[in-house]
PDB file of N, CA and C in Angstrom:
ATOM      1  N   MET A   1       0.846  -1.166   0.000  1.00  0.00           N
ATOM      2  CA  MET A   1       0.000   0.000   0.000  1.00  0.00           C
ATOM      3  C   MET A   1       0.893   1.230   0.000  1.00  0.00           C
ATOM      4  N   ALA A   2       0.589   2.171  -0.825  1.00  0.00           N
ATOM      5  CA  ALA A   2       1.332   3.427  -0.857  1.00  0.00           C
ATOM      6  C   ALA A   2       0.348   4.559  -0.634  1.00  0.00           C
ATOM      7  N   GLY A   3       0.758   5.523   0.113  1.00  0.00           N
ATOM      8  CA  GLY A   3      -0.105   6.669   0.369  1.00  0.00           C
ATOM      9  C   GLY A   3       0.736   7.901   0.610  1.00  0.00           C
ATOM     10  N   ARG A   4       0.109   9.022   0.489  1.00  0.00           N
ATOM     11  CA  ARG A   4       0.801  10.278   0.724  1.00  0.00           C
ATOM     12  C   ARG A   4       0.153  10.939   1.929  1.00  0.00           C
ATOM     13  N   ALA A   5       0.953  11.175   2.966  1.00  0.00           N
ATOM     14  CA  ALA A   5       0.436  11.769   4.194  1.00  0.00           C
ATOM     15  C   ALA A   5       0.281  13.277   4.033  1.00  0.00           C
ATOM     16  N   CYS A   6      -0.541  13.836   4.885  1.00  0.00           N
ATOM     17  CA  CYS A   6      -0.711  15.291   4.878  1.00  0.00           C
ATOM     18  C   CYS A   6       0.584  15.942   5.357  1.00  0.00           C
ATOM     19  N   PRO A   7       0.755  17.227   5.126  1.00  0.00           N
ATOM     20  CA  PRO A   7       2.027  17.887   5.472  1.00  0.00           C
ATOM     21  C   PRO A   7       2.160  18.153   6.966  1.00  0.00           C
ATOM     22  N   ALA A   8       2.115  17.114   7.757  1.00  0.00           N
ATOM     23  CA  ALA A   8       2.264  17.230   9.205  1.00  0.00           C
ATOM     24  C   ALA A   8       3.149  16.089   9.700  1.00  0.00           C
ATOM     25  N   THR A   9       3.465  16.114  10.957  1.00  0.00           N
ATOM     26  CA  THR A   9       4.262  15.052  11.562  1.00  0.00           C
ATOM     27  C   THR A   9       3.466  13.751  11.577  1.00  0.00           C
ATOM     28  N   THR A  10       4.135  12.643  11.273  1.00  0.00           N
ATOM     29  CA  THR A  10       3.511  11.329  11.355  1.00  0.00           C
ATOM     30  C   THR A  10       3.681  10.795  12.770  1.00  0.00           C
ATOM     31  N   HIS A  11       2.582  10.392  13.400  1.00  0.00           N
ATOM     32  CA  HIS A  11       2.611   9.807  14.742  1.00  0.00           C
ATOM     33  C   HIS A  11       2.224   8.336  14.643  1.00  0.00           C
ATOM     34  N   ILE A  12       3.098   7.459  15.118  1.00  0.00           N
ATOM     35  CA  ILE A  12       2.798   6.036  15.170  1.00  0.00           C
ATOM     36  C   ILE A  12       2.551   5.706  16.638  1.00  0.00           C
ATOM     37  N   LEU A  13       1.291   5.402  16.946  1.00  0.00           N
ATOM     38  CA  LEU A  13       0.901   5.230  18.341  1.00  0.00           C
ATOM     39  C   LEU A  13       0.537   3.791  18.687  1.00  0.00           C
ATOM     40  N   GLY A  14       0.473   2.920  17.701  1.00  0.00           N
ATOM     41  CA  GLY A  14       0.086   1.531  17.954  1.00  0.00           C
ATOM     42  C   GLY A  14       1.069   0.565  17.339  1.00  0.00           C
ATOM     43  N   ASN A  15       0.532  -0.498  16.736  1.00  0.00           N
ATOM     44  CA  ASN A  15       1.360  -1.545  16.138  1.00  0.00           C
ATOM     45  C   ASN A  15       1.299  -1.481  14.628  1.00  0.00           C
ATOM     46  N   LEU A  16       2.449  -1.682  13.988  1.00  0.00           N
ATOM     47  CA  LEU A  16       2.533  -1.865  12.542  1.00  0.00           C
ATOM     48  C   LEU A  16       3.060  -3.269  12.303  1.00  0.00           C
ATOM     49  N   ARG A  17       2.349  -4.046  11.498  1.00  0.00           N
ATOM     50  CA  ARG A  17       2.770  -5.417  11.194  1.00  0.00           C
ATOM     51  C   ARG A  17       2.737  -5.620   9.688  1.00  0.00           C
ATOM     52  N   ALA A  18       3.773  -6.283   9.177  1.00  0.00           N
ATOM     53  CA  ALA A  18       3.832  -6.588   7.745  1.00  0.00           C
ATOM     54  C   ALA A  18       4.687  -7.823   7.538  1.00  0.00           C
ATOM     55  N   ASN A  19       4.344  -8.606   6.514  1.00  0.00           N
ATOM     56  CA  ASN A  19       5.157  -9.769   6.155  1.00  0.00           C
ATOM     57  C   ASN A  19       6.319  -9.361   5.259  1.00  0.00           C
ATOM     58  N   SER A  20       6.310  -8.135   4.803  1.00  0.00           N
ATOM     59  CA  SER A  20       7.390  -7.669   3.920  1.00  0.00           C
ATOM     60  C   SER A  20       7.969  -6.366   4.463  1.00  0.00           C
ATOM     61  N   GLN A  21       7.970  -5.304   3.685  1.00  0.00           N
ATOM     62  CA  GLN A  21       8.661  -4.068   4.040  1.00  0.00           C
ATOM     63  C   GLN A  21       7.677  -2.959   4.398  1.00  0.00           C
ATOM     64  N   ILE A  22       8.117  -2.075   5.288  1.00  0.00           N
ATOM     65  CA  ILE A  22       7.362  -0.873   5.621  1.00  0.00           C
ATOM     66  C   ILE A  22       8.274   0.318   5.376  1.00  0.00           C
ATOM     67  N   PHE A  23       7.777   1.283   4.625  1.00  0.00           N
ATOM     68  CA  PHE A  23       8.492   2.529   4.379  1.00  0.00           C
ATOM     69  C   PHE A  23       7.655   3.674   4.934  1.00  0.00           C
ATOM     70  N   VAL A  24       8.233   4.489   5.790  1.00  0.00           N
ATOM     71  CA  VAL A  24       7.559   5.677   6.314  1.00  0.00           C
ATOM     72  C   VAL A  24       8.444   6.872   5.982  1.00  0.00           C
ATOM     73  N   LEU A  25       7.958   7.729   5.099  1.00  0.00           N
ATOM     74  CA  LEU A  25       8.708   8.906   4.668  1.00  0.00           C
ATOM     75  C   LEU A  25       7.873  10.150   4.952  1.00  0.00           C
ATOM     76  N   ASN A  26       8.415  11.057   5.711  1.00  0.00           N
ATOM     77  CA  ASN A  26       7.729  12.307   5.999  1.00  0.00           C
ATOM     78  C   ASN A  26       8.780  13.365   6.292  1.00  0.00           C
ATOM     79  N   ARG A  27       8.826  14.392   5.473  1.00  0.00           N
ATOM     80  CA  ARG A  27       9.856  15.416   5.645  1.00  0.00           C
ATOM     81  C   ARG A  27       9.667  16.245   6.916  1.00  0.00           C
ATOM     82  N   ASN A  28       8.503  16.147   7.555  1.00  0.00           N
ATOM     83  CA  ASN A  28       8.246  16.909   8.780  1.00  0.00           C
ATOM     84  C   ASN A  28       8.593  16.148  10.044  1.00  0.00           C
ATOM     85  N   SER A  29       8.839  14.893   9.993  1.00  0.00           N
ATOM     86  CA  SER A  29       9.314  14.008  11.065  1.00  0.00           C
ATOM     87  C   SER A  29       8.347  12.860  11.305  1.00  0.00           C
ATOM     88  N   VAL A  30       8.864  11.840  11.950  1.00  0.00           N
ATOM     89  CA  VAL A  30       8.097  10.651  12.314  1.00  0.00           C
ATOM     90  C   VAL A  30       8.327  10.430  13.802  1.00  0.00           C
ATOM     91  N   LEU A  31       7.245  10.393  14.572  1.00  0.00           N
ATOM     92  CA  LEU A  31       7.343  10.214  16.017  1.00  0.00           C
ATOM     93  C   LEU A  31       6.644   8.927  16.432  1.00  0.00           C
ATOM     94  N   PHE A  32       7.232   8.229  17.411  1.00  0.00           N
ATOM     95  CA  PHE A  32       6.662   6.989  17.937  1.00  0.00           C
ATOM     96  C   PHE A  32       6.167   7.221  19.348  1.00  0.00           C
ATOM     97  N   GLY A  33       4.977   6.689  19.645  1.00  0.00           N
ATOM     98  CA  GLY A  33       4.451   6.735  21.003  1.00  0.00           C
ATOM     99  C   GLY A  33       5.205   5.761  21.893  1.00  0.00           C
ATOM    100  N   SER A  34       4.973   5.860  23.190  1.00  0.00           N
ATOM    101  CA  SER A  34       5.717   5.031  24.143  1.00  0.00           C
ATOM    102  C   SER A  34       5.408   3.543  24.022  1.00  0.00           C
ATOM    103  N   THR A  35       4.257   3.182  23.444  1.00  0.00           N
ATOM    104  CA  THR A  35       3.901   1.770  23.296  1.00  0.00           C
ATOM    105  C   THR A  35       3.923   1.312  21.838  1.00  0.00           C
ATOM    106  N   ALA A  36       4.438   2.116  20.936  1.00  0.00           N
ATOM    107  CA  ALA A  36       4.468   1.768  19.508  1.00  0.00           C
ATOM    108  C   ALA A  36       5.399   0.587  19.267  1.00  0.00           C
ATOM    109  N   GLN A  37       4.990  -0.283  18.338  1.00  0.00           N
ATOM    110  CA  GLN A  37       5.801  -1.438  17.960  1.00  0.00           C
ATOM    111  C   GLN A  37       5.737  -1.623  16.456  1.00  0.00           C
ATOM    112  N   VAL A  38       6.873  -2.031  15.874  1.00  0.00           N
ATOM    113  CA  VAL A  38       6.938  -2.319  14.444  1.00  0.00           C
ATOM    114  C   VAL A  38       7.460  -3.741  14.279  1.00  0.00           C
ATOM    115  N   HIS A  39       6.702  -4.559  13.558  1.00  0.00           N
ATOM    116  CA  HIS A  39       7.086  -5.943  13.265  1.00  0.00           C
ATOM    117  C   HIS A  39       7.042  -6.101  11.749  1.00  0.00           C
ATOM    118  N   ALA A  40       8.214  -6.182  11.121  1.00  0.00           N
ATOM    119  CA  ALA A  40       8.284  -6.283   9.664  1.00  0.00           C
ATOM    120  C   ALA A  40       9.599  -6.935   9.267  1.00  0.00           C
ATOM    121  N   ALA A  41       9.641  -7.441   8.038  1.00  0.00           N
ATOM    122  CA  ALA A  41      10.881  -8.014   7.509  1.00  0.00           C
ATOM    123  C   ALA A  41      11.926  -6.932   7.289  1.00  0.00           C
ATOM    124  N   ALA A  42      11.464  -5.730   6.924  1.00  0.00           N
ATOM    125  CA  ALA A  42      12.378  -4.595   6.727  1.00  0.00           C
ATOM    126  C   ALA A  42      11.648  -3.320   7.077  1.00  0.00           C
ATOM    127  N   TRP A  43      12.370  -2.372   7.631  1.00  0.00           N
ATOM    128  CA  TRP A  43      11.801  -1.097   8.076  1.00  0.00           C
ATOM    129  C   TRP A  43      12.691   0.033   7.576  1.00  0.00           C
ATOM    130  N   VAL A  44      12.082   1.013   6.902  1.00  0.00           N
ATOM    131  CA  VAL A  44      12.812   2.204   6.465  1.00  0.00           C
ATOM    132  C   VAL A  44      12.024   3.411   6.916  1.00  0.00           C
ATOM    133  N   GLN A  45      12.688   4.290   7.627  1.00  0.00           N
ATOM    134  CA  GLN A  45      12.062   5.531   8.087  1.00  0.00           C
ATOM    135  C   GLN A  45      12.985   6.668   7.694  1.00  0.00           C
ATOM    136  N   ALA A  46      12.408   7.718   7.122  1.00  0.00           N
ATOM    137  CA  ALA A  46      13.224   8.853   6.719  1.00  0.00           C
ATOM    138  C   ALA A  46      12.436  10.141   6.867  1.00  0.00           C
ATOM    139  N   SER A  47      13.141  11.201   7.160  1.00  0.00           N
ATOM    140  CA  SER A  47      12.520  12.524   7.263  1.00  0.00           C
ATOM    141  C   SER A  47      12.806  13.345   6.024  1.00  0.00           C
ATOM    142  N   TRP A  48      12.766  12.712   4.872  1.00  0.00           N
ATOM    143  CA  TRP A  48      12.929  13.389   3.591  1.00  0.00           C
ATOM    144  C   TRP A  48      11.988  12.748   2.591  1.00  0.00           C
ATOM    145  N   ALA A  49      11.662  13.479   1.573  1.00  0.00           N
ATOM    146  CA  ALA A  49      10.723  12.972   0.557  1.00  0.00           C
ATOM    147  C   ALA A  49      11.491  12.373  -0.617  1.00  0.00           C
ATOM    148  N   LEU A  50      10.924  11.357  -1.214  1.00  0.00           N
ATOM    149  CA  LEU A  50      11.531  10.757  -2.416  1.00  0.00           C
ATOM    150  C   LEU A  50      11.164  11.558  -3.640  1.00  0.00           C
TER     151      LEU A  50
END
């Protein structure tokens, strides 16, 4: 799934699960809550746009 987020900070507050890869790109920043978890084969996070 690909999507374009609004021009604000991305907040991950729960669980992200994937059997393959997760890419989170947001030039405004990506923040994780205290209980956030990521379970994936590969994880890429960047604060720049492709």
